Protein backbone atom coordinates (compact mmCIF):
# COMPACT_ATOMS: atom_id res chain seq x y z
CA MET A 1 26.91 -1.47 85.06
CA SER A 2 29.95 0.04 83.08
CA VAL A 3 29.58 0.69 79.15
CA LEU A 4 32.00 -2.07 78.43
CA LEU A 5 30.31 -4.43 80.54
CA ASP A 6 26.82 -3.60 79.01
CA ALA A 7 28.68 -4.16 75.62
CA THR A 8 30.00 -7.48 76.91
CA LEU A 9 26.64 -8.82 77.73
CA GLU A 10 25.15 -7.58 74.50
CA HIS A 11 27.64 -9.85 72.63
CA LEU A 12 27.38 -12.65 75.16
CA LYS A 13 23.62 -12.57 74.38
CA ALA A 14 24.29 -12.99 70.86
CA LEU A 15 26.96 -15.61 71.17
CA VAL A 16 24.92 -17.86 73.82
CA GLY A 17 22.16 -18.09 71.30
CA PHE A 18 24.18 -19.89 68.66
CA ASP A 19 24.03 -23.67 69.15
CA THR A 20 27.54 -24.81 69.20
CA ARG A 21 27.10 -27.91 71.29
CA ASN A 22 30.12 -30.50 71.03
CA PRO A 23 28.79 -33.10 70.42
CA PRO A 24 27.36 -32.93 67.90
CA ARG A 25 29.45 -30.14 66.79
CA ALA A 26 27.35 -29.38 64.20
CA ILE A 27 29.20 -26.07 63.50
CA GLY A 28 29.73 -24.52 60.11
CA SER A 29 31.75 -21.31 59.09
CA GLY A 30 28.38 -19.25 59.18
CA GLY A 31 26.22 -18.47 62.00
CA LEU A 32 28.20 -17.43 65.13
CA PHE A 33 31.43 -16.90 62.95
CA ASP A 34 29.35 -14.49 60.64
CA TYR A 35 28.21 -12.74 63.74
CA VAL A 36 31.71 -12.02 64.91
CA ARG A 37 32.98 -11.08 61.76
CA ALA A 38 30.51 -8.35 61.50
CA GLN A 39 31.72 -7.11 64.93
CA LEU A 40 35.08 -6.62 63.80
CA PRO A 41 35.26 -3.60 61.25
CA GLY A 42 38.95 -3.05 60.24
CA PHE A 43 40.23 -6.36 61.31
CA GLU A 44 41.69 -8.62 59.07
CA VAL A 45 39.58 -11.71 59.25
CA THR A 46 40.23 -15.23 57.95
CA VAL A 47 37.66 -18.24 58.66
CA THR A 48 38.98 -21.75 57.91
CA ASP A 49 36.71 -24.71 57.90
CA TYR A 50 38.61 -28.03 58.74
CA GLY A 51 35.78 -30.10 58.56
CA ALA A 52 33.54 -32.05 61.28
CA GLY A 53 32.56 -28.92 62.87
CA ALA A 54 35.95 -27.63 63.40
CA VAL A 55 36.29 -24.11 62.57
CA THR A 56 38.77 -21.08 63.13
CA LEU A 57 38.23 -17.44 63.11
CA HIS A 58 41.51 -15.59 62.96
CA ALA A 59 41.34 -11.81 63.34
CA VAL A 60 44.14 -9.11 63.35
CA ARG A 61 44.30 -5.46 63.67
CA GLY A 62 47.57 -3.53 63.53
CA GLN A 63 50.97 -5.32 64.56
CA PRO A 64 50.05 -7.20 68.07
CA LYS A 65 52.42 -9.18 69.81
CA LEU A 66 49.90 -11.51 71.91
CA LEU A 67 47.32 -13.91 70.56
CA PHE A 68 43.91 -14.30 72.23
CA ASN A 69 42.44 -17.57 71.99
CA VAL A 70 38.82 -18.68 72.77
CA HIS A 71 37.01 -21.95 72.19
CA MET A 72 33.46 -21.42 71.13
CA ASP A 73 31.90 -24.91 71.22
CA THR A 74 30.17 -25.82 74.45
CA VAL A 75 29.09 -29.16 76.29
CA PRO A 76 25.92 -30.31 75.73
CA ASP A 77 23.00 -29.10 77.95
CA SER A 78 21.67 -31.27 80.60
CA PRO A 79 17.81 -31.84 81.15
CA HIS A 80 18.09 -30.29 84.55
CA TRP A 81 18.67 -26.66 82.87
CA SER A 82 15.69 -24.27 84.58
CA ALA A 83 15.28 -22.60 81.31
CA ASP A 84 16.52 -22.29 77.60
CA PRO A 85 20.28 -22.73 77.78
CA HIS A 86 20.52 -20.63 74.61
CA VAL A 87 18.81 -17.69 75.88
CA LEU A 88 21.01 -15.48 78.34
CA ARG A 89 19.41 -14.30 81.69
CA VAL A 90 21.04 -11.59 83.49
CA THR A 91 20.56 -11.30 87.26
CA HIS A 92 22.06 -8.68 89.66
CA ASP A 93 25.14 -10.56 89.82
CA ARG A 94 25.50 -13.02 86.96
CA ALA A 95 24.94 -14.14 83.49
CA ILE A 96 23.41 -17.40 82.97
CA GLY A 97 23.40 -19.40 79.71
CA LEU A 98 25.24 -22.36 78.11
CA GLY A 99 28.92 -21.39 77.43
CA ALA A 100 28.53 -18.02 79.39
CA CYS A 101 31.10 -19.40 81.86
CA ASP A 102 33.06 -21.89 79.67
CA ILE A 103 33.89 -19.56 77.63
CA LYS A 104 31.68 -17.14 75.52
CA GLY A 105 31.98 -14.54 78.00
CA ALA A 106 35.42 -14.18 77.34
CA ALA A 107 34.96 -13.97 73.61
CA ALA A 108 31.90 -11.49 74.16
CA ALA A 109 34.28 -9.08 76.29
CA LEU A 110 37.07 -9.30 73.64
CA LEU A 111 34.47 -8.38 71.01
CA ALA A 112 33.45 -5.41 73.40
CA ILE A 113 37.22 -4.39 73.72
CA ALA A 114 37.77 -4.54 69.98
CA ASN A 115 34.95 -2.05 69.40
CA ALA A 116 36.32 0.23 72.46
CA THR A 117 39.66 0.95 71.45
CA ASP A 118 41.71 0.94 68.18
CA GLY A 119 44.73 -0.97 69.74
CA ALA A 120 46.45 -3.53 68.01
CA LEU A 121 44.64 -7.03 68.73
CA ALA A 122 44.73 -10.59 67.54
CA LEU A 123 41.95 -13.07 68.05
CA LEU A 124 41.70 -16.74 67.42
CA LEU A 125 38.06 -18.26 67.96
CA SER A 126 38.09 -22.19 67.50
CA SER A 127 35.46 -24.82 67.93
CA ASP A 128 36.82 -28.35 68.92
CA GLU A 129 38.16 -27.87 72.58
CA GLU A 130 35.38 -29.59 74.05
CA ALA A 131 35.85 -32.97 71.74
CA ASN A 132 39.22 -33.43 72.79
CA ASP A 133 39.98 -32.96 69.18
CA ALA A 134 43.10 -30.37 68.28
CA ARG A 135 42.53 -30.17 64.71
CA CYS A 136 41.61 -26.37 64.80
CA ILE A 137 44.86 -25.27 66.98
CA ALA A 138 46.94 -27.97 64.95
CA GLY A 139 45.69 -26.35 61.80
CA PHE A 140 46.67 -23.01 62.88
CA LEU A 141 50.10 -23.52 64.27
CA ALA A 142 50.61 -25.32 61.00
CA GLN A 143 50.29 -22.22 58.89
CA GLY A 144 53.01 -20.58 60.91
CA HIS A 145 51.54 -17.64 62.06
CA ALA A 146 53.72 -15.29 64.06
CA CYS A 147 53.02 -14.11 67.84
CA ASN A 148 55.26 -13.52 70.90
CA ALA A 149 52.79 -15.32 73.37
CA VAL A 150 49.30 -16.70 73.47
CA ILE A 151 46.54 -16.28 76.31
CA VAL A 152 44.13 -18.92 76.25
CA ALA A 153 40.74 -17.95 77.69
CA GLU A 154 39.39 -20.69 80.35
CA PRO A 155 37.62 -20.02 83.64
CA THR A 156 40.62 -18.94 86.02
CA ARG A 157 38.86 -16.47 88.21
CA ALA A 158 40.43 -13.73 86.29
CA GLU A 159 43.97 -14.99 87.23
CA ALA A 160 46.90 -16.39 84.87
CA VAL A 161 47.31 -20.07 85.38
CA LEU A 162 51.11 -20.97 84.13
CA ALA A 163 50.72 -24.90 84.49
CA HIS A 164 48.13 -27.66 84.43
CA ARG A 165 48.33 -31.43 83.68
CA GLY A 166 48.45 -33.32 80.72
CA ILE A 167 45.50 -35.68 79.64
CA GLN A 168 45.55 -38.88 78.04
CA SER A 169 42.68 -41.25 77.50
CA VAL A 170 42.98 -45.13 76.63
CA LEU A 171 41.09 -48.15 75.30
CA MET A 172 41.93 -51.40 76.43
CA ARG A 173 40.52 -54.70 75.41
CA PHE A 174 41.29 -58.28 77.15
CA ALA A 175 40.59 -61.61 75.78
CA GLY A 176 39.71 -64.69 77.79
CA HIS A 177 37.62 -68.12 76.74
CA ALA A 178 34.27 -68.45 77.25
CA GLY A 179 33.15 -71.38 79.47
CA HIS A 180 31.28 -72.78 82.63
CA ALA A 181 32.05 -70.76 85.51
CA SER A 182 31.77 -73.57 87.92
CA GLY A 183 35.41 -74.84 87.50
CA GLU A 184 38.83 -73.47 88.43
CA GLN A 185 39.95 -70.64 86.55
CA LYS A 186 43.52 -69.73 85.04
CA PRO A 187 44.52 -65.88 85.45
CA SER A 188 43.98 -65.70 81.78
CA ASP A 189 40.78 -67.51 81.44
CA SER A 190 38.24 -64.47 82.24
CA ALA A 191 38.56 -61.37 80.28
CA LEU A 192 36.74 -59.61 83.26
CA HIS A 193 39.03 -60.81 85.70
CA GLN A 194 41.74 -59.62 83.94
CA ALA A 195 40.38 -56.19 83.65
CA VAL A 196 39.47 -56.02 87.35
CA ARG A 197 42.81 -57.34 88.29
CA TRP A 198 44.60 -54.80 85.96
CA GLY A 199 42.44 -52.15 87.57
CA ASN A 200 43.70 -52.98 91.24
CA ALA A 201 47.38 -52.90 89.94
CA ALA A 202 46.51 -49.45 88.41
CA LEU A 203 45.18 -47.87 91.16
CA ASP A 204 48.32 -49.17 93.30
CA PHE A 205 50.41 -47.79 90.85
CA VAL A 206 48.87 -44.21 91.04
CA ALA A 207 49.07 -44.22 94.71
CA ALA A 208 52.89 -44.85 94.68
CA GLN A 209 52.97 -41.42 92.40
CA SER A 210 51.50 -39.18 95.37
CA HIS A 211 54.92 -37.85 96.27
CA GLU A 212 55.38 -36.31 92.42
CA ARG A 213 55.17 -32.50 92.53
CA PHE A 214 55.28 -29.56 90.14
CA GLY A 215 54.27 -25.93 90.45
CA GLY A 216 51.60 -26.69 93.10
CA LEU A 217 50.40 -29.83 91.51
CA THR A 218 50.75 -33.08 93.42
CA GLY A 219 50.60 -36.73 91.92
CA LEU A 220 48.94 -38.25 89.38
CA ARG A 221 45.16 -38.22 88.61
CA PHE A 222 43.69 -41.51 87.13
CA ASN A 223 40.08 -42.49 86.34
CA ILE A 224 38.52 -45.89 85.05
CA GLY A 225 35.50 -44.27 83.36
CA ARG A 226 34.02 -47.55 81.69
CA ILE A 227 34.44 -51.49 81.86
CA GLU A 228 31.96 -53.39 79.97
CA GLY A 229 32.18 -57.46 79.09
CA GLY A 230 31.08 -60.66 79.87
CA ILE A 231 27.62 -62.45 79.46
CA LYS A 232 26.14 -63.85 82.63
CA ALA A 233 27.31 -64.84 86.13
CA ASN A 234 27.77 -68.25 85.41
CA MET A 235 29.63 -67.81 82.38
CA ILE A 236 33.57 -67.11 82.13
CA ALA A 237 33.69 -63.67 80.12
CA PRO A 238 35.48 -64.04 76.82
CA THR A 239 36.07 -60.30 75.99
CA ALA A 240 36.10 -57.27 78.14
CA GLU A 241 36.83 -53.40 77.31
CA LEU A 242 38.04 -50.91 79.70
CA ARG A 243 38.47 -47.18 79.22
CA PHE A 244 40.58 -45.28 81.51
CA GLY A 245 42.17 -41.59 81.51
CA PHE A 246 45.06 -40.31 83.50
CA ARG A 247 46.23 -36.57 83.91
CA SER A 248 49.96 -36.23 84.31
CA LEU A 249 52.26 -33.60 85.62
CA PRO A 250 54.53 -31.53 83.38
CA THR A 251 57.31 -33.54 84.37
CA MET A 252 56.12 -36.82 83.85
CA SER A 253 56.81 -38.70 80.73
CA PRO A 254 53.53 -39.72 78.86
CA ASP A 255 55.21 -42.34 76.77
CA ARG A 256 56.65 -44.00 79.82
CA LEU A 257 53.54 -43.90 81.61
CA LEU A 258 51.60 -45.47 78.96
CA GLN A 259 54.26 -48.43 79.10
CA GLN A 260 53.86 -48.71 82.70
CA PHE A 261 50.09 -49.02 82.63
CA ARG A 262 50.40 -51.37 79.69
CA SER A 263 52.72 -53.94 81.40
CA LEU A 264 50.96 -53.56 84.96
CA VAL A 265 49.85 -57.47 85.17
CA GLU A 266 49.90 -60.72 82.94
CA PRO A 267 48.30 -61.70 81.01
CA GLY A 268 48.48 -58.04 79.41
CA PRO A 269 45.54 -56.38 77.28
CA ALA A 270 45.09 -57.73 73.76
CA GLU A 271 44.49 -54.14 72.71
CA PHE A 272 45.88 -50.98 74.06
CA THR A 273 45.26 -47.99 72.17
CA GLU A 274 45.85 -44.28 73.21
CA THR A 275 42.50 -42.49 71.83
CA PHE A 276 43.59 -38.90 72.92
CA ARG A 277 46.79 -37.15 74.09
CA GLY A 278 47.01 -33.55 75.38
CA ALA A 279 50.35 -32.10 76.60
CA SER A 280 50.57 -30.55 79.85
CA LEU A 281 51.55 -26.89 80.34
CA PRO A 282 54.17 -26.04 80.24
CA ALA A 283 55.18 -28.48 77.90
CA GLY A 284 58.55 -29.92 77.83
CA ASP A 285 61.02 -32.06 80.15
CA THR A 286 61.70 -30.74 83.71
CA ALA A 287 64.19 -28.06 82.64
CA SER A 288 62.43 -26.76 79.44
CA ALA A 289 59.00 -26.58 81.28
CA GLU A 290 60.02 -24.57 84.32
CA SER A 291 61.78 -22.39 82.05
CA ARG A 292 58.50 -21.82 80.06
CA ARG A 293 56.54 -21.29 83.20
CA LEU A 294 58.80 -18.54 84.27
CA ALA A 295 58.58 -16.82 81.01
CA ALA A 296 54.79 -17.17 81.13
CA ARG A 297 54.89 -15.70 84.84
CA ASP A 298 57.05 -12.76 83.68
CA LEU A 299 54.59 -11.84 81.02
CA ALA A 300 51.69 -12.03 83.37
CA ASP A 301 53.74 -9.77 85.70
CA GLU A 302 54.51 -7.45 82.73
CA LEU A 303 50.71 -7.12 81.72
CA GLY A 304 49.54 -6.60 85.42
CA ILE A 305 47.58 -9.98 85.45
CA PRO A 306 47.72 -11.66 88.99
CA VAL A 307 49.03 -15.15 89.16
CA GLY A 308 46.86 -17.66 90.55
CA ASN A 309 47.48 -21.66 91.11
CA ALA A 310 48.13 -24.51 88.75
CA VAL A 311 44.86 -26.50 87.90
CA ASP A 312 44.00 -29.87 87.30
CA PHE A 313 41.96 -29.66 84.43
CA TRP A 314 43.50 -29.63 80.70
CA THR A 315 43.31 -26.47 78.02
CA GLU A 316 44.65 -25.83 74.74
CA ALA A 317 47.08 -23.45 76.00
CA ALA A 318 49.64 -26.83 76.17
CA LEU A 319 49.19 -26.91 72.68
CA PHE A 320 50.66 -23.41 71.86
CA SER A 321 53.50 -24.22 74.54
CA ALA A 322 54.45 -27.43 72.88
CA ALA A 323 54.77 -25.44 69.63
CA GLY A 324 57.40 -23.21 71.43
CA HIS A 325 55.07 -20.26 72.28
CA THR A 326 55.02 -18.62 75.95
CA ALA A 327 51.48 -19.63 77.03
CA PHE A 328 49.32 -19.09 79.81
CA VAL A 329 45.02 -19.37 80.72
CA TYR A 330 43.47 -16.51 81.82
CA GLY A 331 39.74 -16.14 81.79
CA PRO A 332 36.49 -14.84 83.75
CA GLY A 333 34.66 -17.39 85.74
CA ASP A 334 35.21 -20.40 88.04
CA ILE A 335 35.50 -23.99 86.59
CA THR A 336 32.98 -25.17 89.20
CA GLN A 337 30.29 -23.07 87.09
CA ALA A 338 31.37 -24.67 83.99
CA HIS A 339 29.65 -28.00 82.43
CA THR A 340 26.64 -27.58 84.69
CA ALA A 341 22.92 -26.90 84.46
CA ASP A 342 22.17 -23.20 84.53
CA GLU A 343 25.83 -22.47 83.88
CA TRP A 344 26.87 -18.92 84.85
CA VAL A 345 29.45 -16.20 85.11
CA ALA A 346 29.58 -13.61 87.67
CA LEU A 347 29.27 -10.21 86.41
CA ASP A 348 32.07 -8.51 88.29
CA GLN A 349 34.50 -11.30 86.75
CA LEU A 350 33.24 -10.36 83.35
CA GLN A 351 33.70 -6.76 84.03
CA HIS A 352 37.33 -7.18 85.55
CA TYR A 353 38.35 -9.31 82.83
CA ALA A 354 37.18 -6.68 80.31
CA GLU A 355 38.60 -3.78 82.03
CA THR A 356 41.97 -5.63 82.30
CA LEU A 357 42.18 -6.64 78.58
CA TYR A 358 41.08 -3.20 77.66
CA ARG A 359 44.01 -1.65 79.45
CA ILE A 360 46.21 -4.11 77.95
CA VAL A 361 45.05 -3.51 74.36
CA ASP A 362 44.68 0.35 74.59
CA SER A 363 48.01 0.87 76.09
CA GLY A 364 49.55 -1.03 73.10
CA ASN A 365 50.83 -3.94 75.21
CA ALA A 366 48.68 -6.63 73.14
């Protein structure tokens, strides 16, 4: 193994050892952030606690042009782990541990790079990505920090991802009238019948969007995640709750889609609440989104980072794009290894990522 990879694995061992599961997101400004601060001599470091486990660490050395962003929170571990998820295990070809792939491996590499070269460098570590809670990035952007572009770390197999879908989550409630189920029912009587009727219409609507395209992505992704309601088989359901989410293309209007979903059937839902919205990457209308995608491609080419395909999963790069920054996603590991028991990242991916960023930072291009 190379010296840079050895240093990366030492930092990764420490980072995996900190419990940053989200939920419950019991994350404070000490612990992991104290460790990171201690690894960055010569940096101006600011730690900001936004409450509810949302913490950022912003570290700057010199006058960098780029900002490297990594989220430090992880998903919860599952009962299927074969060993302690907070103890890093290193085999001949992989590093195994909670967050190793998504995405503490990238943070560990950046810490190794910060100590291997004295080039200008800016880091932003955050802790709220896995909760669909954008207070960290929103708070950072509100402070007006200057940077030419942002590279957001997520598992992309060490390729630059220039485009991904937006994401929206919705809670709907339907209202009916409790009664005996033996008689003829009007469409508005059963809240559960309304929910099922809406679900059928939603699936048909989504199928009709299959021809829509942007940057290698096709159609509208949609999922009904939960339906709950009713009392028993011989009672008309007075209430029902349905939660669904969709992932739109950069060229699709989230507000228009919300309105279309809301008005699919009559009677409509008694309550329709958007619970989360994440912009697509790049953000903007058709013309501005394409312009931003091309700017991100030019930056990746300039830095010598290969460009990969657009992806379906959401990242916080969209938040930076919506704020007007050129942004793309780039990190070690494969998204299929994230959020799994015995989560792992390939050592050759970690080494390639670290060596690429070392070259960028050491040459003064960061």
